[in-house]
């Protein structure tokens, strides 16, 4: 992937702003994530994540009529993934995820701080800052005891399903849900690198945020056929760092052994 791809992403976002300006009833374009306030993260693998802010009464018009996007480049695919917006692929490979809001709606939506790409002169620059704080989930919202208990019981349930032949469900409980709890526990084990957190998805950039813990991930996520091995690796990690109920741990080991 090349520097020219990054330039294409930025120029496309600017073009969307100009298109909204020409449309007559738009108020602002807010870039989010790596095309927002975290612009230093932008690379050729980034998507265009944005909010289009429009005048009251015009939200549905901008959702139903995507000519403000298709006029810039043919649209190869558009999937309405929420009541507010789409995931959209331009024919030249630029992928977007966006939502359309009216001002009153935006005041009630939690989101990470963004960047004003374009706005009408009367719209305040503070529009890109959320009025509602994002609730950070995971370890800050739950006790360590709860997270550890949830992780180990996920292992137990998952191994039971594996022994039943429900290998997909087992993988989700062990290599998905239990691993999610380890991600939540990471802050209690190591110092997070600043500026890399995605408040909506704890797995994003985990390798950069917690490199020492991330080094264990290949053992935690070993694949469809290796849920027992993954479970034992997760259990061992939890026992190394936290107090784990030993009868429960033994039950996990017994099931893992078959």
C-alpha atoms as a PDB file:
ATOM      1  CA  UNK A   1       0.000   0.000   0.000  1.00  0.00           C
ATOM      2  CA  UNK A   2       1.328   3.396  -0.903  1.00  0.00           C
ATOM      3  CA  UNK A   3       1.425   6.983   0.214  1.00  0.00           C
ATOM      4  CA  UNK A   4      -0.831   7.783  -2.743  1.00  0.00           C
ATOM      5  CA  UNK A   5      -3.588   5.711  -1.115  1.00  0.00           C
ATOM      6  CA  UNK A   6      -3.417   7.880   1.983  1.00  0.00           C
ATOM      7  CA  UNK A   7      -3.666  10.975  -0.193  1.00  0.00           C
ATOM      8  CA  UNK A   8      -6.673   9.450  -1.947  1.00  0.00           C
ATOM      9  CA  UNK A   9      -8.415   8.894   1.389  1.00  0.00           C
ATOM     10  CA  UNK A  10      -7.823  12.478   2.495  1.00  0.00           C
ATOM     11  CA  UNK A  11      -8.808  13.963  -0.846  1.00  0.00           C
ATOM     12  CA  UNK A  12     -11.981  11.845  -0.940  1.00  0.00           C
ATOM     13  CA  UNK A  13     -12.960  13.057   2.510  1.00  0.00           C
ATOM     14  CA  UNK A  14     -12.370  16.658   1.445  1.00  0.00           C
ATOM     15  CA  UNK A  15     -14.460  16.019  -1.670  1.00  0.00           C
ATOM     16  CA  UNK A  16     -17.291  14.675   0.473  1.00  0.00           C
ATOM     17  CA  UNK A  17     -17.192  17.906   2.430  1.00  0.00           C
ATOM     18  CA  UNK A  18     -17.434  19.960  -0.761  1.00  0.00           C
ATOM     19  CA  UNK A  19     -20.274  17.747  -1.978  1.00  0.00           C
ATOM     20  CA  UNK A  20     -22.185  18.298   1.245  1.00  0.00           C
ATOM     21  CA  UNK A  21     -21.607  22.034   0.929  1.00  0.00           C
ATOM     22  CA  UNK A  22     -23.113  21.982  -2.585  1.00  0.00           C
ATOM     23  CA  UNK A  23     -26.061  19.856  -1.498  1.00  0.00           C
ATOM     24  CA  UNK A  24     -27.830  22.787   0.115  1.00  0.00           C
ATOM     25  CA  UNK A  25     -28.970  21.374   3.453  1.00  0.00           C
ATOM     26  CA  UNK A  26     -25.823  20.039   5.103  1.00  0.00           C
ATOM     27  CA  UNK A  27     -24.211  21.654   8.131  1.00  0.00           C
ATOM     28  CA  UNK A  28     -20.911  19.847   8.735  1.00  0.00           C
ATOM     29  CA  UNK A  29     -18.694  16.876   8.003  1.00  0.00           C
ATOM     30  CA  UNK A  30     -16.933  15.343  11.010  1.00  0.00           C
ATOM     31  CA  UNK A  31     -14.042  12.939  10.442  1.00  0.00           C
ATOM     32  CA  UNK A  32     -13.672  10.200  13.037  1.00  0.00           C
ATOM     33  CA  UNK A  33     -10.937   7.803  14.093  1.00  0.00           C
ATOM     34  CA  UNK A  34      -7.874   7.852  11.866  1.00  0.00           C
ATOM     35  CA  UNK A  35      -9.399  10.545   9.628  1.00  0.00           C
ATOM     36  CA  UNK A  36     -10.497  12.519  12.668  1.00  0.00           C
ATOM     37  CA  UNK A  37      -8.669  13.639  15.788  1.00  0.00           C
ATOM     38  CA  UNK A  38      -6.318  10.645  15.485  1.00  0.00           C
ATOM     39  CA  UNK A  39      -5.008  11.660  12.067  1.00  0.00           C
ATOM     40  CA  UNK A  40      -1.488  10.529  12.983  1.00  0.00           C
ATOM     41  CA  UNK A  41      -2.773   6.934  12.766  1.00  0.00           C
ATOM     42  CA  UNK A  42      -3.941   7.294   9.166  1.00  0.00           C
ATOM     43  CA  UNK A  43      -2.445   4.751   6.812  1.00  0.00           C
ATOM     44  CA  UNK A  44      -3.323   3.030   3.555  1.00  0.00           C
ATOM     45  CA  UNK A  45      -5.437   0.460   5.403  1.00  0.00           C
ATOM     46  CA  UNK A  46      -7.713   3.046   6.996  1.00  0.00           C
ATOM     47  CA  UNK A  47     -11.392   3.513   6.271  1.00  0.00           C
ATOM     48  CA  UNK A  48     -13.249   6.779   6.002  1.00  0.00           C
ATOM     49  CA  UNK A  49     -15.329   7.031   9.170  1.00  0.00           C
ATOM     50  CA  UNK A  50     -17.443  10.159   9.370  1.00  0.00           C
ATOM     51  CA  UNK A  51     -20.648  11.858  10.473  1.00  0.00           C
ATOM     52  CA  UNK A  52     -22.605  14.081   8.120  1.00  0.00           C
ATOM     53  CA  UNK A  53     -24.544  16.706  10.036  1.00  0.00           C
ATOM     54  CA  UNK A  54     -27.602  18.036   8.218  1.00  0.00           C
ATOM     55  CA  UNK A  55     -30.401  20.515   8.785  1.00  0.00           C
ATOM     56  CA  UNK A  56     -33.442  19.428  10.794  1.00  0.00           C
ATOM     57  CA  UNK A  57     -35.893  17.518   8.620  1.00  0.00           C
ATOM     58  CA  UNK A  58     -33.321  16.465   6.004  1.00  0.00           C
ATOM     59  CA  UNK A  59     -31.725  13.379   7.563  1.00  0.00           C
ATOM     60  CA  UNK A  60     -33.869  10.913   5.647  1.00  0.00           C
ATOM     61  CA  UNK A  61     -33.193  12.701   2.376  1.00  0.00           C
ATOM     62  CA  UNK A  62     -29.436  12.234   2.768  1.00  0.00           C
ATOM     63  CA  UNK A  63     -29.867   8.594   3.770  1.00  0.00           C
ATOM     64  CA  UNK A  64     -32.264   7.733   0.952  1.00  0.00           C
ATOM     65  CA  UNK A  65     -30.316   9.617  -1.720  1.00  0.00           C
ATOM     66  CA  UNK A  66     -26.601   8.891  -1.785  1.00  0.00           C
ATOM     67  CA  UNK A  67     -25.875  11.043  -4.813  1.00  0.00           C
ATOM     68  CA  UNK A  68     -23.790  13.306  -2.564  1.00  0.00           C
ATOM     69  CA  UNK A  69     -21.368  10.362  -2.526  1.00  0.00           C
ATOM     70  CA  UNK A  70     -21.955   8.636  -5.859  1.00  0.00           C
ATOM     71  CA  UNK A  71     -21.386  11.917  -7.696  1.00  0.00           C
ATOM     72  CA  UNK A  72     -17.752  11.768  -6.532  1.00  0.00           C
ATOM     73  CA  UNK A  73     -17.040   8.192  -7.584  1.00  0.00           C
ATOM     74  CA  UNK A  74     -19.275   5.266  -8.580  1.00  0.00           C
ATOM     75  CA  UNK A  75     -20.501   3.247  -5.601  1.00  0.00           C
ATOM     76  CA  UNK A  76     -19.718  -0.463  -5.887  1.00  0.00           C
ATOM     77  CA  UNK A  77     -21.611  -1.515  -2.757  1.00  0.00           C
ATOM     78  CA  UNK A  78     -23.695   0.138  -0.063  1.00  0.00           C
ATOM     79  CA  UNK A  79     -25.120  -1.648   2.958  1.00  0.00           C
ATOM     80  CA  UNK A  80     -27.371   0.186   5.393  1.00  0.00           C
ATOM     81  CA  UNK A  81     -25.947  -1.169   8.629  1.00  0.00           C
ATOM     82  CA  UNK A  82     -27.937   1.060  10.988  1.00  0.00           C
ATOM     83  CA  UNK A  83     -30.917   3.394  10.971  1.00  0.00           C
ATOM     84  CA  UNK A  84     -28.436   6.275  10.782  1.00  0.00           C
ATOM     85  CA  UNK A  85     -26.076   5.258   8.016  1.00  0.00           C
ATOM     86  CA  UNK A  86     -24.137   2.893   5.803  1.00  0.00           C
ATOM     87  CA  UNK A  87     -21.049   0.905   5.099  1.00  0.00           C
ATOM     88  CA  UNK A  88     -20.106   1.851   1.552  1.00  0.00           C
ATOM     89  CA  UNK A  89     -17.441   0.841  -0.950  1.00  0.00           C
ATOM     90  CA  UNK A  90     -16.484   3.171  -3.772  1.00  0.00           C
ATOM     91  CA  UNK A  91     -15.518   1.552  -7.069  1.00  0.00           C
ATOM     92  CA  UNK A  92     -11.899   2.682  -6.603  1.00  0.00           C
ATOM     93  CA  UNK A  93     -11.588   0.730  -3.342  1.00  0.00           C
ATOM     94  CA  UNK A  94     -12.180   3.502  -0.781  1.00  0.00           C
ATOM     95  CA  UNK A  95     -14.321   2.066   2.026  1.00  0.00           C
ATOM     96  CA  UNK A  96     -16.528   4.265   4.213  1.00  0.00           C
ATOM     97  CA  UNK A  97     -18.606   3.843   7.325  1.00  0.00           C
ATOM     98  CA  UNK A  98     -20.785   6.822   8.061  1.00  0.00           C
ATOM     99  CA  UNK A  99     -23.892   8.107   9.778  1.00  0.00           C
ATOM    100  CA  UNK A 100     -26.145  11.068   9.127  1.00  0.00           C
ATOM    101  CA  UNK A 101     -27.434  13.086  12.061  1.00  0.00           C
ATOM    102  CA  UNK A 102     -29.417  16.216  12.717  1.00  0.00           C
ATOM    103  CA  UNK A 103     -28.054  18.586  15.412  1.00  0.00           C
ATOM    104  CA  UNK A 104     -30.443  17.505  18.152  1.00  0.00           C
ATOM    105  CA  UNK A 105     -29.578  13.852  17.549  1.00  0.00           C
ATOM    106  CA  UNK A 106     -25.835  14.474  17.592  1.00  0.00           C
ATOM    107  CA  UNK A 107     -26.132  16.072  21.015  1.00  0.00           C
ATOM    108  CA  UNK A 108     -27.313  12.699  22.365  1.00  0.00           C
ATOM    109  CA  UNK A 109     -24.806  10.439  20.561  1.00  0.00           C
ATOM    110  CA  UNK A 110     -21.666   9.261  22.402  1.00  0.00           C
ATOM    111  CA  UNK A 111     -18.611   9.210  20.127  1.00  0.00           C
ATOM    112  CA  UNK A 112     -14.885   9.736  20.346  1.00  0.00           C
ATOM    113  CA  UNK A 113     -13.755  13.300  19.582  1.00  0.00           C
ATOM    114  CA  UNK A 114     -13.544  13.983  15.865  1.00  0.00           C
ATOM    115  CA  UNK A 115     -12.219  16.582  13.460  1.00  0.00           C
ATOM    116  CA  UNK A 116     -14.201  19.162  11.521  1.00  0.00           C
ATOM    117  CA  UNK A 117     -13.491  18.550   7.831  1.00  0.00           C
ATOM    118  CA  UNK A 118     -16.045  21.101   6.647  1.00  0.00           C
ATOM    119  CA  UNK A 119     -18.786  23.151   8.269  1.00  0.00           C
ATOM    120  CA  UNK A 120     -21.101  26.029   7.593  1.00  0.00           C
ATOM    121  CA  UNK A 121     -19.755  29.291   9.068  1.00  0.00           C
ATOM    122  CA  UNK A 122     -22.449  29.488  11.738  1.00  0.00           C
ATOM    123  CA  UNK A 123     -21.789  25.954  13.035  1.00  0.00           C
ATOM    124  CA  UNK A 124     -19.505  26.018  16.104  1.00  0.00           C
ATOM    125  CA  UNK A 125     -16.149  24.258  15.833  1.00  0.00           C
ATOM    126  CA  UNK A 126     -17.022  22.377  19.024  1.00  0.00           C
ATOM    127  CA  UNK A 127     -19.444  20.290  16.975  1.00  0.00           C
ATOM    128  CA  UNK A 128     -16.732  17.620  16.621  1.00  0.00           C
ATOM    129  CA  UNK A 129     -16.547  17.131  20.400  1.00  0.00           C
ATOM    130  CA  UNK A 130     -19.171  14.774  21.870  1.00  0.00           C
ATOM    131  CA  UNK A 131     -21.705  16.260  24.242  1.00  0.00           C
ATOM    132  CA  UNK A 132     -22.178  12.812  25.775  1.00  0.00           C
ATOM    133  CA  UNK A 133     -19.087  11.095  27.116  1.00  0.00           C
ATOM    134  CA  UNK A 134     -18.320   7.599  25.871  1.00  0.00           C
ATOM    135  CA  UNK A 135     -18.654   5.048  28.637  1.00  0.00           C
ATOM    136  CA  UNK A 136     -15.422   3.093  28.721  1.00  0.00           C
ATOM    137  CA  UNK A 137     -16.284  -0.530  29.247  1.00  0.00           C
ATOM    138  CA  UNK A 138     -14.219  -3.423  30.432  1.00  0.00           C
ATOM    139  CA  UNK A 139     -11.994  -3.363  33.460  1.00  0.00           C
ATOM    140  CA  UNK A 140     -13.021   0.124  34.531  1.00  0.00           C
ATOM    141  CA  UNK A 141     -16.703  -0.872  34.522  1.00  0.00           C
ATOM    142  CA  UNK A 142     -16.328  -4.262  36.258  1.00  0.00           C
ATOM    143  CA  UNK A 143     -14.314  -5.572  39.181  1.00  0.00           C
ATOM    144  CA  UNK A 144     -11.247  -7.734  38.629  1.00  0.00           C
ATOM    145  CA  UNK A 145     -12.982 -10.523  40.548  1.00  0.00           C
ATOM    146  CA  UNK A 146     -15.976 -10.406  38.198  1.00  0.00           C
ATOM    147  CA  UNK A 147     -13.800 -10.364  35.083  1.00  0.00           C
ATOM    148  CA  UNK A 148     -11.711 -13.317  36.230  1.00  0.00           C
ATOM    149  CA  UNK A 149     -14.790 -15.284  37.214  1.00  0.00           C
ATOM    150  CA  UNK A 150     -16.459 -14.525  33.914  1.00  0.00           C
ATOM    151  CA  UNK A 151     -13.371 -15.563  31.953  1.00  0.00           C
ATOM    152  CA  UNK A 152     -12.926 -18.906  33.726  1.00  0.00           C
ATOM    153  CA  UNK A 153     -16.610 -19.798  33.551  1.00  0.00           C
ATOM    154  CA  UNK A 154     -16.520 -18.979  29.837  1.00  0.00           C
ATOM    155  CA  UNK A 155     -13.728 -21.520  29.527  1.00  0.00           C
ATOM    156  CA  UNK A 156     -15.781 -24.122  31.355  1.00  0.00           C
ATOM    157  CA  UNK A 157     -18.903 -23.561  29.254  1.00  0.00           C
ATOM    158  CA  UNK A 158     -16.878 -23.470  26.054  1.00  0.00           C
ATOM    159  CA  UNK A 159     -15.109 -26.735  26.807  1.00  0.00           C
ATOM    160  CA  UNK A 160     -18.419 -28.422  27.513  1.00  0.00           C
ATOM    161  CA  UNK A 161     -19.636 -27.354  24.107  1.00  0.00           C
ATOM    162  CA  UNK A 162     -16.411 -28.513  22.486  1.00  0.00           C
ATOM    163  CA  UNK A 163     -16.890 -31.970  23.987  1.00  0.00           C
ATOM    164  CA  UNK A 164     -20.447 -31.947  22.628  1.00  0.00           C
ATOM    165  CA  UNK A 165     -19.118 -31.299  19.165  1.00  0.00           C
ATOM    166  CA  UNK A 166     -20.181 -27.638  19.148  1.00  0.00           C
ATOM    167  CA  UNK A 167     -16.759 -26.448  18.120  1.00  0.00           C
ATOM    168  CA  UNK A 168     -17.847 -23.080  16.713  1.00  0.00           C
ATOM    169  CA  UNK A 169     -19.694 -22.137  19.896  1.00  0.00           C
ATOM    170  CA  UNK A 170     -16.734 -23.406  21.928  1.00  0.00           C
ATOM    171  CA  UNK A 171     -14.329 -21.202  19.999  1.00  0.00           C
ATOM    172  CA  UNK A 172     -16.504 -18.171  20.623  1.00  0.00           C
ATOM    173  CA  UNK A 173     -16.690 -18.783  24.370  1.00  0.00           C
ATOM    174  CA  UNK A 174     -13.006 -19.633  24.796  1.00  0.00           C
ATOM    175  CA  UNK A 175     -11.152 -17.747  22.071  1.00  0.00           C
ATOM    176  CA  UNK A 176     -13.676 -14.916  21.949  1.00  0.00           C
ATOM    177  CA  UNK A 177     -15.523 -14.123  25.168  1.00  0.00           C
ATOM    178  CA  UNK A 178     -12.813 -15.310  27.594  1.00  0.00           C
ATOM    179  CA  UNK A 179     -10.127 -13.464  25.623  1.00  0.00           C
ATOM    180  CA  UNK A 180     -12.292 -10.332  25.725  1.00  0.00           C
ATOM    181  CA  UNK A 181     -12.170 -10.487  29.505  1.00  0.00           C
ATOM    182  CA  UNK A 182      -8.376 -10.678  29.399  1.00  0.00           C
ATOM    183  CA  UNK A 183      -8.398  -7.546  27.259  1.00  0.00           C
ATOM    184  CA  UNK A 184     -10.510  -5.909  29.957  1.00  0.00           C
ATOM    185  CA  UNK A 185      -8.071  -7.079  32.627  1.00  0.00           C
ATOM    186  CA  UNK A 186      -5.023  -5.747  30.789  1.00  0.00           C
ATOM    187  CA  UNK A 187      -5.177  -2.338  32.461  1.00  0.00           C
ATOM    188  CA  UNK A 188      -4.732  -4.011  35.855  1.00  0.00           C
ATOM    189  CA  UNK A 189      -1.571  -5.747  34.659  1.00  0.00           C
ATOM    190  CA  UNK A 190       0.328  -3.200  32.583  1.00  0.00           C
ATOM    191  CA  UNK A 191       0.554   0.467  31.700  1.00  0.00           C
ATOM    192  CA  UNK A 192      -1.357   1.223  28.529  1.00  0.00           C
ATOM    193  CA  UNK A 193       0.407   3.227  25.855  1.00  0.00           C
ATOM    194  CA  UNK A 194      -1.327   6.585  25.604  1.00  0.00           C
ATOM    195  CA  UNK A 195      -3.450   7.765  22.709  1.00  0.00           C
ATOM    196  CA  UNK A 196      -4.221   4.384  21.153  1.00  0.00           C
ATOM    197  CA  UNK A 197      -7.464   3.334  22.836  1.00  0.00           C
ATOM    198  CA  UNK A 198     -10.639   2.812  20.829  1.00  0.00           C
ATOM    199  CA  UNK A 199     -13.404   3.375  23.362  1.00  0.00           C
ATOM    200  CA  UNK A 200     -15.834   1.213  21.400  1.00  0.00           C
ATOM    201  CA  UNK A 201     -13.608  -1.795  20.619  1.00  0.00           C
ATOM    202  CA  UNK A 202     -11.059  -2.958  23.181  1.00  0.00           C
ATOM    203  CA  UNK A 203      -9.315  -5.259  20.696  1.00  0.00           C
ATOM    204  CA  UNK A 204      -8.291  -2.374  18.428  1.00  0.00           C
ATOM    205  CA  UNK A 205      -4.534  -1.773  18.487  1.00  0.00           C
ATOM    206  CA  UNK A 206      -4.198  -4.089  21.503  1.00  0.00           C
ATOM    207  CA  UNK A 207      -0.827  -5.284  20.210  1.00  0.00           C
ATOM    208  CA  UNK A 208       0.485  -1.726  20.326  1.00  0.00           C
ATOM    209  CA  UNK A 209      -1.231  -0.802  23.604  1.00  0.00           C
ATOM    210  CA  UNK A 210      -0.191  -3.851  25.630  1.00  0.00           C
ATOM    211  CA  UNK A 211       2.647  -5.593  23.757  1.00  0.00           C
ATOM    212  CA  UNK A 212       3.701  -7.846  26.642  1.00  0.00           C
ATOM    213  CA  UNK A 213       0.195  -9.236  27.112  1.00  0.00           C
ATOM    214  CA  UNK A 214      -0.385  -9.418  23.363  1.00  0.00           C
ATOM    215  CA  UNK A 215       2.588 -11.764  23.070  1.00  0.00           C
ATOM    216  CA  UNK A 216       0.357 -14.440  24.641  1.00  0.00           C
ATOM    217  CA  UNK A 217      -2.470 -14.053  22.111  1.00  0.00           C
ATOM    218  CA  UNK A 218      -1.240 -16.768  19.701  1.00  0.00           C
ATOM    219  CA  UNK A 219      -1.618 -19.246  22.554  1.00  0.00           C
ATOM    220  CA  UNK A 220      -5.024 -17.888  23.540  1.00  0.00           C
ATOM    221  CA  UNK A 221      -6.406 -18.046  19.997  1.00  0.00           C
ATOM    222  CA  UNK A 222      -5.167 -21.282  18.447  1.00  0.00           C
ATOM    223  CA  UNK A 223      -8.064 -21.958  16.103  1.00  0.00           C
ATOM    224  CA  UNK A 224     -11.223 -23.980  15.517  1.00  0.00           C
ATOM    225  CA  UNK A 225      -9.793 -27.382  16.461  1.00  0.00           C
ATOM    226  CA  UNK A 226      -7.654 -26.208  19.390  1.00  0.00           C
ATOM    227  CA  UNK A 227     -10.075 -24.715  21.875  1.00  0.00           C
ATOM    228  CA  UNK A 228      -8.895 -27.028  24.694  1.00  0.00           C
ATOM    229  CA  UNK A 229      -5.297 -25.941  24.164  1.00  0.00           C
ATOM    230  CA  UNK A 230      -6.393 -22.306  24.034  1.00  0.00           C
ATOM    231  CA  UNK A 231      -8.412 -22.725  27.229  1.00  0.00           C
ATOM    232  CA  UNK A 232      -5.450 -24.159  29.116  1.00  0.00           C
ATOM    233  CA  UNK A 233      -3.235 -21.286  27.978  1.00  0.00           C
ATOM    234  CA  UNK A 234      -5.821 -18.733  29.109  1.00  0.00           C
ATOM    235  CA  UNK A 235      -6.326 -20.482  32.433  1.00  0.00           C
ATOM    236  CA  UNK A 236      -2.586 -20.616  33.061  1.00  0.00           C
ATOM    237  CA  UNK A 237      -2.258 -16.908  32.348  1.00  0.00           C
ATOM    238  CA  UNK A 238      -5.120 -16.068  34.684  1.00  0.00           C
ATOM    239  CA  UNK A 239      -3.682 -18.221  37.465  1.00  0.00           C
ATOM    240  CA  UNK A 240      -0.287 -16.566  37.043  1.00  0.00           C
ATOM    241  CA  UNK A 241      -1.710 -13.095  37.575  1.00  0.00           C
ATOM    242  CA  UNK A 242      -4.934 -13.452  39.573  1.00  0.00           C
ATOM    243  CA  UNK A 243      -6.583 -15.555  42.230  1.00  0.00           C
ATOM    244  CA  UNK A 244      -8.576 -18.298  40.527  1.00  0.00           C
ATOM    245  CA  UNK A 245     -10.925 -20.663  42.325  1.00  0.00           C
ATOM    246  CA  UNK A 246      -9.078 -23.983  42.267  1.00  0.00           C
ATOM    247  CA  UNK A 247     -12.054 -26.368  42.045  1.00  0.00           C
ATOM    248  CA  UNK A 248     -13.256 -24.331  39.070  1.00  0.00           C
ATOM    249  CA  UNK A 249      -9.783 -24.370  37.522  1.00  0.00           C
ATOM    250  CA  UNK A 250      -9.588 -28.131  37.964  1.00  0.00           C
ATOM    251  CA  UNK A 251     -12.956 -28.574  36.305  1.00  0.00           C
ATOM    252  CA  UNK A 252     -11.614 -26.613  33.311  1.00  0.00           C
ATOM    253  CA  UNK A 253      -8.524 -28.848  33.199  1.00  0.00           C
ATOM    254  CA  UNK A 254     -10.585 -31.991  33.410  1.00  0.00           C
ATOM    255  CA  UNK A 255     -12.768 -30.956  30.496  1.00  0.00           C
ATOM    256  CA  UNK A 256      -9.766 -29.851  28.473  1.00  0.00           C
ATOM    257  CA  UNK A 257      -8.239 -33.271  28.954  1.00  0.00           C
ATOM    258  CA  UNK A 258     -11.369 -34.903  27.615  1.00  0.00           C
END
